[in-house]
């Protein structure tokens, strides 16, 4: 009984960690949320592929984390994507230089 409880807990922790996304991926997926439905799936796949092939540096992760706080795109509110039409919105979401 004790062993099965430990295995169950370990498996739950692994599943929880597998669902974690780094801040850069989360930020990229916010951009994907602004695309049309047929483009969104391809965008999310491309983001996932890029994440597998490119490991962001600590500095890049920190920058993405900061942008997550300022980028106000919401997955359930397509109108929030309008901020990407402004210079301020692009900067807030990390899409400007």
PDB file of N, CA and C in Angstrom:
ATOM      1  N   UNK A   1       0.822  -1.187   0.000  1.00  0.00           N
ATOM      2  CA  UNK A   1       0.000   0.000   0.000  1.00  0.00           C
ATOM      3  C   UNK A   1       0.870   1.255   0.000  1.00  0.00           C
ATOM      4  N   UNK A   2       1.876   1.262   0.858  1.00  0.00           N
ATOM      5  CA  UNK A   2       2.756   2.420   0.965  1.00  0.00           C
ATOM      6  C   UNK A   2       3.513   2.648  -0.343  1.00  0.00           C
ATOM      7  N   UNK A   3       3.980   1.547  -0.944  1.00  0.00           N
ATOM      8  CA  UNK A   3       4.739   1.652  -2.192  1.00  0.00           C
ATOM      9  C   UNK A   3       3.862   2.212  -3.312  1.00  0.00           C
ATOM     10  N   UNK A   4       2.626   1.772  -3.399  1.00  0.00           N
ATOM     11  CA  UNK A   4       1.738   2.266  -4.453  1.00  0.00           C
ATOM     12  C   UNK A   4       1.421   3.747  -4.247  1.00  0.00           C
ATOM     13  N   UNK A   5       1.331   4.187  -3.007  1.00  0.00           N
ATOM     14  CA  UNK A   5       1.094   5.606  -2.733  1.00  0.00           C
ATOM     15  C   UNK A   5       2.280   6.445  -3.180  1.00  0.00           C
ATOM     16  N   UNK A   6       3.483   5.958  -2.926  1.00  0.00           N
ATOM     17  CA  UNK A   6       4.695   6.673  -3.348  1.00  0.00           C
ATOM     18  C   UNK A   6       4.766   6.730  -4.870  1.00  0.00           C
ATOM     19  N   UNK A   7       4.471   5.617  -5.529  1.00  0.00           N
ATOM     20  CA  UNK A   7       4.482   5.590  -6.993  1.00  0.00           C
ATOM     21  C   UNK A   7       3.442   6.538  -7.570  1.00  0.00           C
ATOM     22  N   UNK A   8       2.281   6.552  -6.972  1.00  0.00           N
ATOM     23  CA  UNK A   8       1.215   7.434  -7.434  1.00  0.00           C
ATOM     24  C   UNK A   8       1.620   8.899  -7.278  1.00  0.00           C
ATOM     25  N   UNK A   9       2.192   9.247  -6.144  1.00  0.00           N
ATOM     26  CA  UNK A   9       2.647  10.609  -5.903  1.00  0.00           C
ATOM     27  C   UNK A   9       3.751  10.990  -6.874  1.00  0.00           C
ATOM     28  N   UNK A  10       4.698  10.101  -7.097  1.00  0.00           N
ATOM     29  CA  UNK A  10       5.793  10.369  -8.033  1.00  0.00           C
ATOM     30  C   UNK A  10       5.262  10.598  -9.438  1.00  0.00           C
ATOM     31  N   UNK A  11       4.330   9.772  -9.853  1.00  0.00           N
ATOM     32  CA  UNK A  11       3.747   9.906 -11.181  1.00  0.00           C
ATOM     33  C   UNK A  11       3.010  11.236 -11.308  1.00  0.00           C
ATOM     34  N   UNK A  12       2.298  11.638 -10.268  1.00  0.00           N
ATOM     35  CA  UNK A  12       1.577  12.910 -10.285  1.00  0.00           C
ATOM     36  C   UNK A  12       2.530  14.085 -10.421  1.00  0.00           C
ATOM     37  N   UNK A  13       3.648  14.031  -9.722  1.00  0.00           N
ATOM     38  CA  UNK A  13       4.647  15.098  -9.814  1.00  0.00           C
ATOM     39  C   UNK A  13       5.220  15.163 -11.221  1.00  0.00           C
ATOM     40  N   UNK A  14       5.529  14.024 -11.804  1.00  0.00           N
ATOM     41  CA  UNK A  14       6.059  14.002 -13.173  1.00  0.00           C
ATOM     42  C   UNK A  14       5.058  14.572 -14.165  1.00  0.00           C
ATOM     43  N   UNK A  15       3.798  14.236 -14.017  1.00  0.00           N
ATOM     44  CA  UNK A  15       2.775  14.783 -14.904  1.00  0.00           C
ATOM     45  C   UNK A  15       2.669  16.297 -14.748  1.00  0.00           C
ATOM     46  N   UNK A  16       2.743  16.770 -13.530  1.00  0.00           N
ATOM     47  CA  UNK A  16       2.668  18.209 -13.295  1.00  0.00           C
ATOM     48  C   UNK A  16       3.846  18.924 -13.935  1.00  0.00           C
ATOM     49  N   UNK A  17       5.030  18.363 -13.806  1.00  0.00           N
ATOM     50  CA  UNK A  17       6.212  18.981 -14.403  1.00  0.00           C
ATOM     51  C   UNK A  17       6.168  18.932 -15.919  1.00  0.00           C
ATOM     52  N   UNK A  18       5.622  17.886 -16.475  1.00  0.00           N
ATOM     53  CA  UNK A  18       5.534  17.763 -17.930  1.00  0.00           C
ATOM     54  C   UNK A  18       4.634  18.844 -18.508  1.00  0.00           C
ATOM     55  N   UNK A  19       3.674  19.322 -17.730  1.00  0.00           N
ATOM     56  CA  UNK A  19       2.763  20.346 -18.199  1.00  0.00           C
ATOM     57  C   UNK A  19       3.323  21.753 -18.091  1.00  0.00           C
ATOM     58  N   UNK A  20       4.451  21.923 -17.447  1.00  0.00           N
ATOM     59  CA  UNK A  20       5.044  23.240 -17.271  1.00  0.00           C
ATOM     60  C   UNK A  20       5.666  23.719 -18.574  1.00  0.00           C
ATOM     61  N   UNK A  21       5.449  24.985 -18.870  1.00  0.00           N
ATOM     62  CA  UNK A  21       6.035  25.584 -20.063  1.00  0.00           C
ATOM     63  C   UNK A  21       6.942  26.712 -19.610  1.00  0.00           C
ATOM     64  N   UNK A  22       8.006  26.922 -20.359  1.00  0.00           N
ATOM     65  CA  UNK A  22       8.867  28.034 -19.990  1.00  0.00           C
ATOM     66  C   UNK A  22       8.188  29.343 -20.404  1.00  0.00           C
ATOM     67  N   UNK A  23       8.601  30.462 -19.819  1.00  0.00           N
ATOM     68  CA  UNK A  23       7.942  31.738 -20.081  1.00  0.00           C
ATOM     69  C   UNK A  23       7.990  32.150 -21.551  1.00  0.00           C
ATOM     70  N   UNK A  24       9.049  31.793 -22.260  1.00  0.00           N
ATOM     71  CA  UNK A  24       9.141  32.166 -23.672  1.00  0.00           C
ATOM     72  C   UNK A  24       8.100  31.418 -24.498  1.00  0.00           C
ATOM     73  N   UNK A  25       7.871  30.175 -24.160  1.00  0.00           N
ATOM     74  CA  UNK A  25       6.838  29.420 -24.882  1.00  0.00           C
ATOM     75  C   UNK A  25       5.460  29.988 -24.575  1.00  0.00           C
ATOM     76  N   UNK A  26       5.213  30.311 -23.316  1.00  0.00           N
ATOM     77  CA  UNK A  26       3.925  30.900 -22.951  1.00  0.00           C
ATOM     78  C   UNK A  26       3.687  32.204 -23.705  1.00  0.00           C
ATOM     79  N   UNK A  27       4.722  33.031 -23.801  1.00  0.00           N
ATOM     80  CA  UNK A  27       4.608  34.299 -24.509  1.00  0.00           C
ATOM     81  C   UNK A  27       4.332  34.065 -25.990  1.00  0.00           C
ATOM     82  N   UNK A  28       5.027  33.125 -26.589  1.00  0.00           N
ATOM     83  CA  UNK A  28       4.807  32.802 -28.001  1.00  0.00           C
ATOM     84  C   UNK A  28       3.394  32.287 -28.232  1.00  0.00           C
ATOM     85  N   UNK A  29       2.898  31.483 -27.315  1.00  0.00           N
ATOM     86  CA  UNK A  29       1.545  30.951 -27.467  1.00  0.00           C
ATOM     87  C   UNK A  29       0.492  32.037 -27.311  1.00  0.00           C
ATOM     88  N   UNK A  30       0.799  33.093 -26.573  1.00  0.00           N
ATOM     89  CA  UNK A  30      -0.134  34.225 -26.505  1.00  0.00           C
ATOM     90  C   UNK A  30      -0.278  34.852 -27.885  1.00  0.00           C
ATOM     91  N   UNK A  31       0.842  34.977 -28.589  1.00  0.00           N
ATOM     92  CA  UNK A  31       0.778  35.497 -29.954  1.00  0.00           C
ATOM     93  C   UNK A  31      -0.059  34.558 -30.820  1.00  0.00           C
ATOM     94  N   UNK A  32       0.137  33.257 -30.685  1.00  0.00           N
ATOM     95  CA  UNK A  32      -0.635  32.275 -31.461  1.00  0.00           C
ATOM     96  C   UNK A  32      -2.133  32.441 -31.218  1.00  0.00           C
ATOM     97  N   UNK A  33      -2.509  32.822 -30.002  1.00  0.00           N
ATOM     98  CA  UNK A  33      -3.926  33.011 -29.680  1.00  0.00           C
ATOM     99  C   UNK A  33      -4.569  34.107 -30.519  1.00  0.00           C
ATOM    100  N   UNK A  34      -3.762  34.990 -31.095  1.00  0.00           N
ATOM    101  CA  UNK A  34      -4.289  36.095 -31.890  1.00  0.00           C
ATOM    102  C   UNK A  34      -4.490  35.726 -33.358  1.00  0.00           C
ATOM    103  N   UNK A  35      -4.063  34.563 -33.754  1.00  0.00           N
ATOM    104  CA  UNK A  35      -4.204  34.138 -35.141  1.00  0.00           C
ATOM    105  C   UNK A  35      -5.554  33.466 -35.360  1.00  0.00           C
ATOM    106  N   UNK A  36      -5.937  33.372 -36.630  1.00  0.00           N
ATOM    107  CA  UNK A  36      -7.164  32.651 -36.964  1.00  0.00           C
ATOM    108  C   UNK A  36      -7.026  31.202 -36.542  1.00  0.00           C
ATOM    109  N   UNK A  37      -8.168  30.564 -36.331  1.00  0.00           N
ATOM    110  CA  UNK A  37      -8.173  29.202 -35.799  1.00  0.00           C
ATOM    111  C   UNK A  37      -7.325  28.242 -36.629  1.00  0.00           C
ATOM    112  N   UNK A  38      -7.421  28.329 -37.951  1.00  0.00           N
ATOM    113  CA  UNK A  38      -6.661  27.403 -38.793  1.00  0.00           C
ATOM    114  C   UNK A  38      -5.158  27.676 -38.743  1.00  0.00           C
ATOM    115  N   UNK A  39      -4.757  28.896 -38.425  1.00  0.00           N
ATOM    116  CA  UNK A  39      -3.341  29.229 -38.292  1.00  0.00           C
ATOM    117  C   UNK A  39      -2.819  28.950 -36.887  1.00  0.00           C
ATOM    118  N   UNK A  40      -3.707  29.004 -35.916  1.00  0.00           N
ATOM    119  CA  UNK A  40      -3.314  28.868 -34.512  1.00  0.00           C
ATOM    120  C   UNK A  40      -2.664  27.514 -34.226  1.00  0.00           C
ATOM    121  N   UNK A  41      -3.242  26.449 -34.736  1.00  0.00           N
ATOM    122  CA  UNK A  41      -2.695  25.110 -34.480  1.00  0.00           C
ATOM    123  C   UNK A  41      -1.285  24.988 -35.042  1.00  0.00           C
ATOM    124  N   UNK A  42      -1.073  25.490 -36.262  1.00  0.00           N
ATOM    125  CA  UNK A  42       0.266  25.453 -36.860  1.00  0.00           C
ATOM    126  C   UNK A  42       1.250  26.289 -36.047  1.00  0.00           C
ATOM    127  N   UNK A  43       0.787  27.424 -35.551  1.00  0.00           N
ATOM    128  CA  UNK A  43       1.642  28.300 -34.753  1.00  0.00           C
ATOM    129  C   UNK A  43       2.081  27.600 -33.470  1.00  0.00           C
ATOM    130  N   UNK A  44       1.152  26.963 -32.784  1.00  0.00           N
ATOM    131  CA  UNK A  44       1.473  26.270 -31.530  1.00  0.00           C
ATOM    132  C   UNK A  44       2.446  25.124 -31.787  1.00  0.00           C
ATOM    133  N   UNK A  45       2.251  24.401 -32.893  1.00  0.00           N
ATOM    134  CA  UNK A  45       3.173  23.313 -33.251  1.00  0.00           C
ATOM    135  C   UNK A  45       4.562  23.871 -33.526  1.00  0.00           C
ATOM    136  N   UNK A  46       4.638  24.980 -34.252  1.00  0.00           N
ATOM    137  CA  UNK A  46       5.928  25.605 -34.554  1.00  0.00           C
ATOM    138  C   UNK A  46       6.624  26.064 -33.274  1.00  0.00           C
ATOM    139  N   UNK A  47       5.870  26.634 -32.353  1.00  0.00           N
ATOM    140  CA  UNK A  47       6.432  27.078 -31.069  1.00  0.00           C
ATOM    141  C   UNK A  47       6.992  25.880 -30.300  1.00  0.00           C
ATOM    142  N   UNK A  48       6.247  24.790 -30.273  1.00  0.00           N
ATOM    143  CA  UNK A  48       6.703  23.587 -29.563  1.00  0.00           C
ATOM    144  C   UNK A  48       7.961  23.015 -30.215  1.00  0.00           C
ATOM    145  N   UNK A  49       7.996  22.996 -31.539  1.00  0.00           N
ATOM    146  CA  UNK A  49       9.186  22.503 -32.249  1.00  0.00           C
ATOM    147  C   UNK A  49      10.396  23.380 -31.963  1.00  0.00           C
ATOM    148  N   UNK A  50      10.189  24.681 -31.962  1.00  0.00           N
ATOM    149  CA  UNK A  50      11.285  25.612 -31.685  1.00  0.00           C
ATOM    150  C   UNK A  50      11.809  25.411 -30.267  1.00  0.00           C
ATOM    151  N   UNK A  51      10.896  25.169 -29.337  1.00  0.00           N
ATOM    152  CA  UNK A  51      11.304  24.960 -27.944  1.00  0.00           C
ATOM    153  C   UNK A  51      12.172  23.710 -27.814  1.00  0.00           C
ATOM    154  N   UNK A  52      11.854  22.684 -28.584  1.00  0.00           N
ATOM    155  CA  UNK A  52      12.650  21.454 -28.533  1.00  0.00           C
ATOM    156  C   UNK A  52      14.046  21.651 -29.119  1.00  0.00           C
ATOM    157  N   UNK A  53      14.174  22.552 -30.084  1.00  0.00           N
ATOM    158  CA  UNK A  53      15.443  22.724 -30.797  1.00  0.00           C
ATOM    159  C   UNK A  53      16.324  23.844 -30.257  1.00  0.00           C
ATOM    160  N   UNK A  54      15.744  24.778 -29.542  1.00  0.00           N
ATOM    161  CA  UNK A  54      16.501  25.934 -29.051  1.00  0.00           C
ATOM    162  C   UNK A  54      16.256  26.087 -27.558  1.00  0.00           C
ATOM    163  N   UNK A  55      17.321  26.048 -26.794  1.00  0.00           N
ATOM    164  CA  UNK A  55      17.225  26.217 -25.343  1.00  0.00           C
ATOM    165  C   UNK A  55      17.478  27.688 -25.012  1.00  0.00           C
ATOM    166  N   UNK A  56      16.464  28.417 -24.505  1.00  0.00           N
ATOM    167  CA  UNK A  56      16.681  29.826 -24.177  1.00  0.00           C
ATOM    168  C   UNK A  56      17.657  29.988 -23.012  1.00  0.00           C
ATOM    169  N   UNK A  57      18.403  31.070 -23.061  1.00  0.00           N
ATOM    170  CA  UNK A  57      19.338  31.374 -21.979  1.00  0.00           C
ATOM    171  C   UNK A  57      18.561  31.877 -20.766  1.00  0.00           C
ATOM    172  N   UNK A  58      19.230  31.954 -19.638  1.00  0.00           N
ATOM    173  CA  UNK A  58      18.588  32.483 -18.431  1.00  0.00           C
ATOM    174  C   UNK A  58      18.130  33.921 -18.648  1.00  0.00           C
ATOM    175  N   UNK A  59      18.935  34.701 -19.367  1.00  0.00           N
ATOM    176  CA  UNK A  59      18.576  36.095 -19.647  1.00  0.00           C
ATOM    177  C   UNK A  59      17.325  36.166 -20.524  1.00  0.00           C
ATOM    178  N   UNK A  60      17.239  35.287 -21.515  1.00  0.00           N
ATOM    179  CA  UNK A  60      16.057  35.260 -22.384  1.00  0.00           C
ATOM    180  C   UNK A  60      14.818  34.833 -21.605  1.00  0.00           C
ATOM    181  N   UNK A  61      14.970  33.848 -20.740  1.00  0.00           N
ATOM    182  CA  UNK A  61      13.843  33.411 -19.910  1.00  0.00           C
ATOM    183  C   UNK A  61      13.363  34.538 -18.998  1.00  0.00           C
ATOM    184  N   UNK A  62      14.309  35.284 -18.438  1.00  0.00           N
ATOM    185  CA  UNK A  62      13.952  36.409 -17.564  1.00  0.00           C
ATOM    186  C   UNK A  62      13.225  37.493 -18.359  1.00  0.00           C
ATOM    187  N   UNK A  63      13.699  37.763 -19.579  1.00  0.00           N
ATOM    188  CA  UNK A  63      13.047  38.761 -20.430  1.00  0.00           C
ATOM    189  C   UNK A  63      11.626  38.322 -20.784  1.00  0.00           C
ATOM    190  N   UNK A  64      11.458  37.046 -21.093  1.00  0.00           N
ATOM    191  CA  UNK A  64      10.120  36.528 -21.410  1.00  0.00           C
ATOM    192  C   UNK A  64       9.210  36.611 -20.195  1.00  0.00           C
ATOM    193  N   UNK A  65       9.741  36.291 -19.037  1.00  0.00           N
ATOM    194  CA  UNK A  65       8.962  36.373 -17.798  1.00  0.00           C
ATOM    195  C   UNK A  65       8.473  37.801 -17.580  1.00  0.00           C
ATOM    196  N   UNK A  66       9.346  38.763 -17.842  1.00  0.00           N
ATOM    197  CA  UNK A  66       8.983  40.170 -17.692  1.00  0.00           C
ATOM    198  C   UNK A  66       7.895  40.553 -18.698  1.00  0.00           C
ATOM    199  N   UNK A  67       8.017  40.064 -19.921  1.00  0.00           N
ATOM    200  CA  UNK A  67       7.026  40.368 -20.960  1.00  0.00           C
ATOM    201  C   UNK A  67       5.667  39.730 -20.647  1.00  0.00           C
ATOM    202  N   UNK A  68       5.676  38.578 -19.993  1.00  0.00           N
ATOM    203  CA  UNK A  68       4.406  37.952 -19.610  1.00  0.00           C
ATOM    204  C   UNK A  68       3.605  38.859 -18.685  1.00  0.00           C
ATOM    205  N   UNK A  69       4.302  39.660 -17.894  1.00  0.00           N
ATOM    206  CA  UNK A  69       3.629  40.572 -16.973  1.00  0.00           C
ATOM    207  C   UNK A  69       3.055  41.783 -17.693  1.00  0.00           C
ATOM    208  N   UNK A  70       3.688  42.200 -18.806  1.00  0.00           N
ATOM    209  CA  UNK A  70       3.243  43.408 -19.499  1.00  0.00           C
ATOM    210  C   UNK A  70       2.374  43.127 -20.721  1.00  0.00           C
ATOM    211  N   UNK A  71       2.454  41.944 -21.262  1.00  0.00           N
ATOM    212  CA  UNK A  71       1.678  41.577 -22.454  1.00  0.00           C
ATOM    213  C   UNK A  71       0.283  41.144 -22.010  1.00  0.00           C
ATOM    214  N   UNK A  72      -0.719  41.923 -22.375  1.00  0.00           N
ATOM    215  CA  UNK A  72      -2.066  41.702 -21.845  1.00  0.00           C
ATOM    216  C   UNK A  72      -2.964  40.883 -22.768  1.00  0.00           C
ATOM    217  N   UNK A  73      -2.392  40.127 -23.687  1.00  0.00           N
ATOM    218  CA  UNK A  73      -3.198  39.268 -24.561  1.00  0.00           C
ATOM    219  C   UNK A  73      -3.809  38.156 -23.715  1.00  0.00           C
ATOM    220  N   UNK A  74      -5.108  37.949 -23.904  1.00  0.00           N
ATOM    221  CA  UNK A  74      -5.817  36.893 -23.172  1.00  0.00           C
ATOM    222  C   UNK A  74      -6.388  35.900 -24.173  1.00  0.00           C
ATOM    223  N   UNK A  75      -6.207  34.618 -23.909  1.00  0.00           N
ATOM    224  CA  UNK A  75      -6.645  33.570 -24.831  1.00  0.00           C
ATOM    225  C   UNK A  75      -8.150  33.613 -25.079  1.00  0.00           C
ATOM    226  N   UNK A  76      -8.920  34.013 -24.088  1.00  0.00           N
ATOM    227  CA  UNK A  76     -10.374  34.008 -24.228  1.00  0.00           C
ATOM    228  C   UNK A  76     -10.939  35.355 -24.670  1.00  0.00           C
ATOM    229  N   UNK A  77     -10.071  36.286 -25.083  1.00  0.00           N
ATOM    230  CA  UNK A  77     -10.515  37.622 -25.486  1.00  0.00           C
ATOM    231  C   UNK A  77      -9.732  38.073 -26.712  1.00  0.00           C
ATOM    232  N   UNK A  78     -10.261  37.776 -27.888  1.00  0.00           N
ATOM    233  CA  UNK A  78      -9.561  38.123 -29.131  1.00  0.00           C
ATOM    234  C   UNK A  78      -9.365  39.635 -29.273  1.00  0.00           C
ATOM    235  N   UNK A  79     -10.242  40.433 -28.675  1.00  0.00           N
ATOM    236  CA  UNK A  79     -10.099  41.882 -28.746  1.00  0.00           C
ATOM    237  C   UNK A  79      -8.807  42.345 -28.076  1.00  0.00           C
ATOM    238  N   UNK A  80      -8.296  41.555 -27.132  1.00  0.00           N
ATOM    239  CA  UNK A  80      -7.049  41.936 -26.458  1.00  0.00           C
ATOM    240  C   UNK A  80      -5.866  41.897 -27.425  1.00  0.00           C
ATOM    241  N   UNK A  81      -6.031  41.234 -28.560  1.00  0.00           N
ATOM    242  CA  UNK A  81      -4.963  41.163 -29.561  1.00  0.00           C
ATOM    243  C   UNK A  81      -4.748  42.500 -30.259  1.00  0.00           C
ATOM    244  N   UNK A  82      -5.712  43.406 -30.126  1.00  0.00           N
ATOM    245  CA  UNK A  82      -5.592  44.713 -30.768  1.00  0.00           C
ATOM    246  C   UNK A  82      -4.375  45.486 -30.280  1.00  0.00           C
ATOM    247  N   UNK A  83      -3.868  45.157 -29.094  1.00  0.00           N
ATOM    248  CA  UNK A  83      -2.690  45.874 -28.596  1.00  0.00           C
ATOM    249  C   UNK A  83      -1.483  45.652 -29.497  1.00  0.00           C
ATOM    250  N   UNK A  84      -1.490  44.564 -30.268  1.00  0.00           N
ATOM    251  CA  UNK A  84      -0.361  44.292 -31.161  1.00  0.00           C
ATOM    252  C   UNK A  84      -0.331  45.239 -32.350  1.00  0.00           C
ATOM    253  N   UNK A  85      -1.382  46.051 -32.510  1.00  0.00           N
ATOM    254  CA  UNK A  85      -1.417  47.038 -33.587  1.00  0.00           C
ATOM    255  C   UNK A  85      -0.734  48.343 -33.177  1.00  0.00           C
ATOM    256  N   UNK A  86      -0.368  48.455 -31.903  1.00  0.00           N
ATOM    257  CA  UNK A  86       0.280  49.675 -31.418  1.00  0.00           C
ATOM    258  C   UNK A  86       1.747  49.404 -31.091  1.00  0.00           C
ATOM    259  N   UNK A  87       2.546  50.463 -31.162  1.00  0.00           N
ATOM    260  CA  UNK A  87       3.965  50.327 -30.808  1.00  0.00           C
ATOM    261  C   UNK A  87       4.125  49.914 -29.350  1.00  0.00           C
ATOM    262  N   UNK A  88       3.289  50.488 -28.478  1.00  0.00           N
ATOM    263  CA  UNK A  88       3.369  50.162 -27.056  1.00  0.00           C
ATOM    264  C   UNK A  88       3.026  48.694 -26.814  1.00  0.00           C
ATOM    265  N   UNK A  89       2.009  48.211 -27.492  1.00  0.00           N
ATOM    266  CA  UNK A  89       1.608  46.817 -27.344  1.00  0.00           C
ATOM    267  C   UNK A  89       2.667  45.861 -27.854  1.00  0.00           C
ATOM    268  N   UNK A  90       3.271  46.211 -28.986  1.00  0.00           N
ATOM    269  CA  UNK A  90       4.348  45.374 -29.529  1.00  0.00           C
ATOM    270  C   UNK A  90       5.516  45.314 -28.555  1.00  0.00           C
ATOM    271  N   UNK A  91       5.848  46.464 -27.977  1.00  0.00           N
ATOM    272  CA  UNK A  91       6.945  46.493 -27.012  1.00  0.00           C
ATOM    273  C   UNK A  91       6.583  45.699 -25.760  1.00  0.00           C
ATOM    274  N   UNK A  92       5.352  45.830 -25.294  1.00  0.00           N
ATOM    275  CA  UNK A  92       4.917  45.123 -24.088  1.00  0.00           C
ATOM    276  C   UNK A  92       4.959  43.610 -24.271  1.00  0.00           C
ATOM    277  N   UNK A  93       4.753  43.156 -25.502  1.00  0.00           N
ATOM    278  CA  UNK A  93       4.732  41.715 -25.776  1.00  0.00           C
ATOM    279  C   UNK A  93       6.044  41.207 -26.360  1.00  0.00           C
ATOM    280  N   UNK A  94       7.041  42.067 -26.438  1.00  0.00           N
ATOM    281  CA  UNK A  94       8.353  41.630 -26.906  1.00  0.00           C
ATOM    282  C   UNK A  94       8.463  41.470 -28.406  1.00  0.00           C
ATOM    283  N   UNK A  95       7.614  42.170 -29.156  1.00  0.00           N
ATOM    284  CA  UNK A  95       7.644  42.051 -30.613  1.00  0.00           C
ATOM    285  C   UNK A  95       8.333  43.221 -31.297  1.00  0.00           C
ATOM    286  N   UNK A  96       8.920  44.119 -30.526  1.00  0.00           N
ATOM    287  CA  UNK A  96       9.652  45.241 -31.120  1.00  0.00           C
ATOM    288  C   UNK A  96      11.099  45.199 -30.661  1.00  0.00           C
ATOM    289  N   UNK A  97      11.910  45.933 -31.348  1.00  0.00           N
ATOM    290  CA  UNK A  97      13.338  45.973 -30.992  1.00  0.00           C
ATOM    291  C   UNK A  97      13.661  47.158 -30.141  1.00  0.00           C
TER     292      UNK A  97
END
